[in-house]
Amino acid sequence: MAKLALVNREAKREAAVKKHAAKRAELKSIIDDQTRSMDERMDAMKRLQALPRNSSRCGCAIAAR
């Protein structure tokens, strides 16, 4: 059985993912949009990097165990 601290940490990560999901999606769409200026896209990259790392949803099945 997992320690309570580990369970709480995973719950905190899931909450962070839900909290920042919309902002991440918006910034990624700006970064991928080739019609926008390079300065605007670079600014979006910096804002994406400023978000907490734990707010990124892991898409890898192996790492998401």
C-alpha atoms as a PDB file:
ATOM      1  CA  MET A   1       0.000   0.000   0.000  1.00  0.00           C
ATOM      2  CA  ALA A   2       1.290   3.464  -0.910  1.00  0.00           C
ATOM      3  CA  LYS A   3       2.221   5.946   1.741  1.00  0.00           C
ATOM      4  CA  LEU A   4      -0.328   8.657   2.337  1.00  0.00           C
ATOM      5  CA  ALA A   5       2.200  11.331   1.350  1.00  0.00           C
ATOM      6  CA  LEU A   6       2.642   9.738  -2.085  1.00  0.00           C
ATOM      7  CA  VAL A   7      -1.112   9.525  -2.601  1.00  0.00           C
ATOM      8  CA  ASN A   8      -1.489  13.181  -1.601  1.00  0.00           C
ATOM      9  CA  ARG A   9       1.329  14.211  -3.933  1.00  0.00           C
ATOM     10  CA  GLU A  10      -0.332  12.494  -6.896  1.00  0.00           C
ATOM     11  CA  ALA A  11      -3.655  14.146  -6.035  1.00  0.00           C
ATOM     12  CA  LYS A  12      -1.894  17.524  -5.923  1.00  0.00           C
ATOM     13  CA  ARG A  13      -0.363  16.867  -9.352  1.00  0.00           C
ATOM     14  CA  GLU A  14      -3.739  15.913 -10.829  1.00  0.00           C
ATOM     15  CA  ALA A  15      -5.261  19.113  -9.435  1.00  0.00           C
ATOM     16  CA  ALA A  16      -2.444  21.173 -10.984  1.00  0.00           C
ATOM     17  CA  VAL A  17      -3.000  19.487 -14.349  1.00  0.00           C
ATOM     18  CA  LYS A  18      -6.702  20.360 -14.264  1.00  0.00           C
ATOM     19  CA  LYS A  19      -5.986  23.913 -13.106  1.00  0.00           C
ATOM     20  CA  HIS A  20      -3.506  24.740 -15.887  1.00  0.00           C
ATOM     21  CA  ALA A  21      -4.890  22.604 -18.741  1.00  0.00           C
ATOM     22  CA  ALA A  22      -6.740  25.415 -20.515  1.00  0.00           C
ATOM     23  CA  LYS A  23      -3.816  27.835 -20.253  1.00  0.00           C
ATOM     24  CA  ARG A  24      -1.392  25.195 -21.557  1.00  0.00           C
ATOM     25  CA  ALA A  25      -3.638  24.403 -24.514  1.00  0.00           C
ATOM     26  CA  GLU A  26      -3.970  28.096 -25.370  1.00  0.00           C
ATOM     27  CA  LEU A  27      -0.207  28.691 -25.211  1.00  0.00           C
ATOM     28  CA  LYS A  28       0.560  25.575 -27.268  1.00  0.00           C
ATOM     29  CA  SER A  29      -1.885  26.680 -29.953  1.00  0.00           C
ATOM     30  CA  ILE A  30      -0.143  30.076 -30.118  1.00  0.00           C
ATOM     31  CA  ILE A  31       3.248  28.383 -30.397  1.00  0.00           C
ATOM     32  CA  ASP A  32       2.073  26.080 -33.197  1.00  0.00           C
ATOM     33  CA  ASP A  33       0.357  28.873 -35.175  1.00  0.00           C
ATOM     34  CA  GLN A  34       2.708  29.730 -38.044  1.00  0.00           C
ATOM     35  CA  THR A  35       0.755  32.876 -38.932  1.00  0.00           C
ATOM     36  CA  ARG A  36       1.699  34.615 -35.677  1.00  0.00           C
ATOM     37  CA  SER A  37       4.860  36.670 -35.328  1.00  0.00           C
ATOM     38  CA  MET A  38       7.989  35.046 -33.962  1.00  0.00           C
ATOM     39  CA  ASP A  39       8.073  37.462 -31.009  1.00  0.00           C
ATOM     40  CA  GLU A  40       4.545  36.505 -30.024  1.00  0.00           C
ATOM     41  CA  ARG A  41       5.373  32.813 -30.294  1.00  0.00           C
ATOM     42  CA  MET A  42       8.565  33.241 -28.240  1.00  0.00           C
ATOM     43  CA  ASP A  43       6.588  35.075 -25.559  1.00  0.00           C
ATOM     44  CA  ALA A  44       4.110  32.185 -25.460  1.00  0.00           C
ATOM     45  CA  MET A  45       7.013  29.734 -25.081  1.00  0.00           C
ATOM     46  CA  LYS A  46       8.364  31.679 -22.116  1.00  0.00           C
ATOM     47  CA  ARG A  47       4.935  31.793 -20.490  1.00  0.00           C
ATOM     48  CA  LEU A  48       4.528  28.044 -21.049  1.00  0.00           C
ATOM     49  CA  GLN A  49       7.915  27.386 -19.466  1.00  0.00           C
ATOM     50  CA  ALA A  50       6.923  29.530 -16.473  1.00  0.00           C
ATOM     51  CA  LEU A  51       4.049  27.186 -15.622  1.00  0.00           C
ATOM     52  CA  PRO A  52       4.803  24.515 -13.014  1.00  0.00           C
ATOM     53  CA  ARG A  53       6.241  21.305 -14.403  1.00  0.00           C
ATOM     54  CA  ASN A  54       3.774  19.245 -12.409  1.00  0.00           C
ATOM     55  CA  SER A  55       0.950  20.880 -14.325  1.00  0.00           C
ATOM     56  CA  SER A  56       1.975  19.090 -17.499  1.00  0.00           C
ATOM     57  CA  ARG A  57      -0.074  16.000 -18.231  1.00  0.00           C
ATOM     58  CA  CYS A  58       2.175  13.038 -18.898  1.00  0.00           C
ATOM     59  CA  GLY A  59       1.162  11.434 -22.175  1.00  0.00           C
ATOM     60  CA  CYS A  60       3.543   8.518 -21.830  1.00  0.00           C
ATOM     61  CA  ALA A  61       1.878   5.311 -20.639  1.00  0.00           C
ATOM     62  CA  ILE A  62       5.084   4.037 -19.054  1.00  0.00           C
ATOM     63  CA  ALA A  63       5.807   7.192 -17.063  1.00  0.00           C
ATOM     64  CA  ALA A  64       2.180   7.590 -16.008  1.00  0.00           C
ATOM     65  CA  ARG A  65       2.243   4.435 -13.925  1.00  0.00           C
END
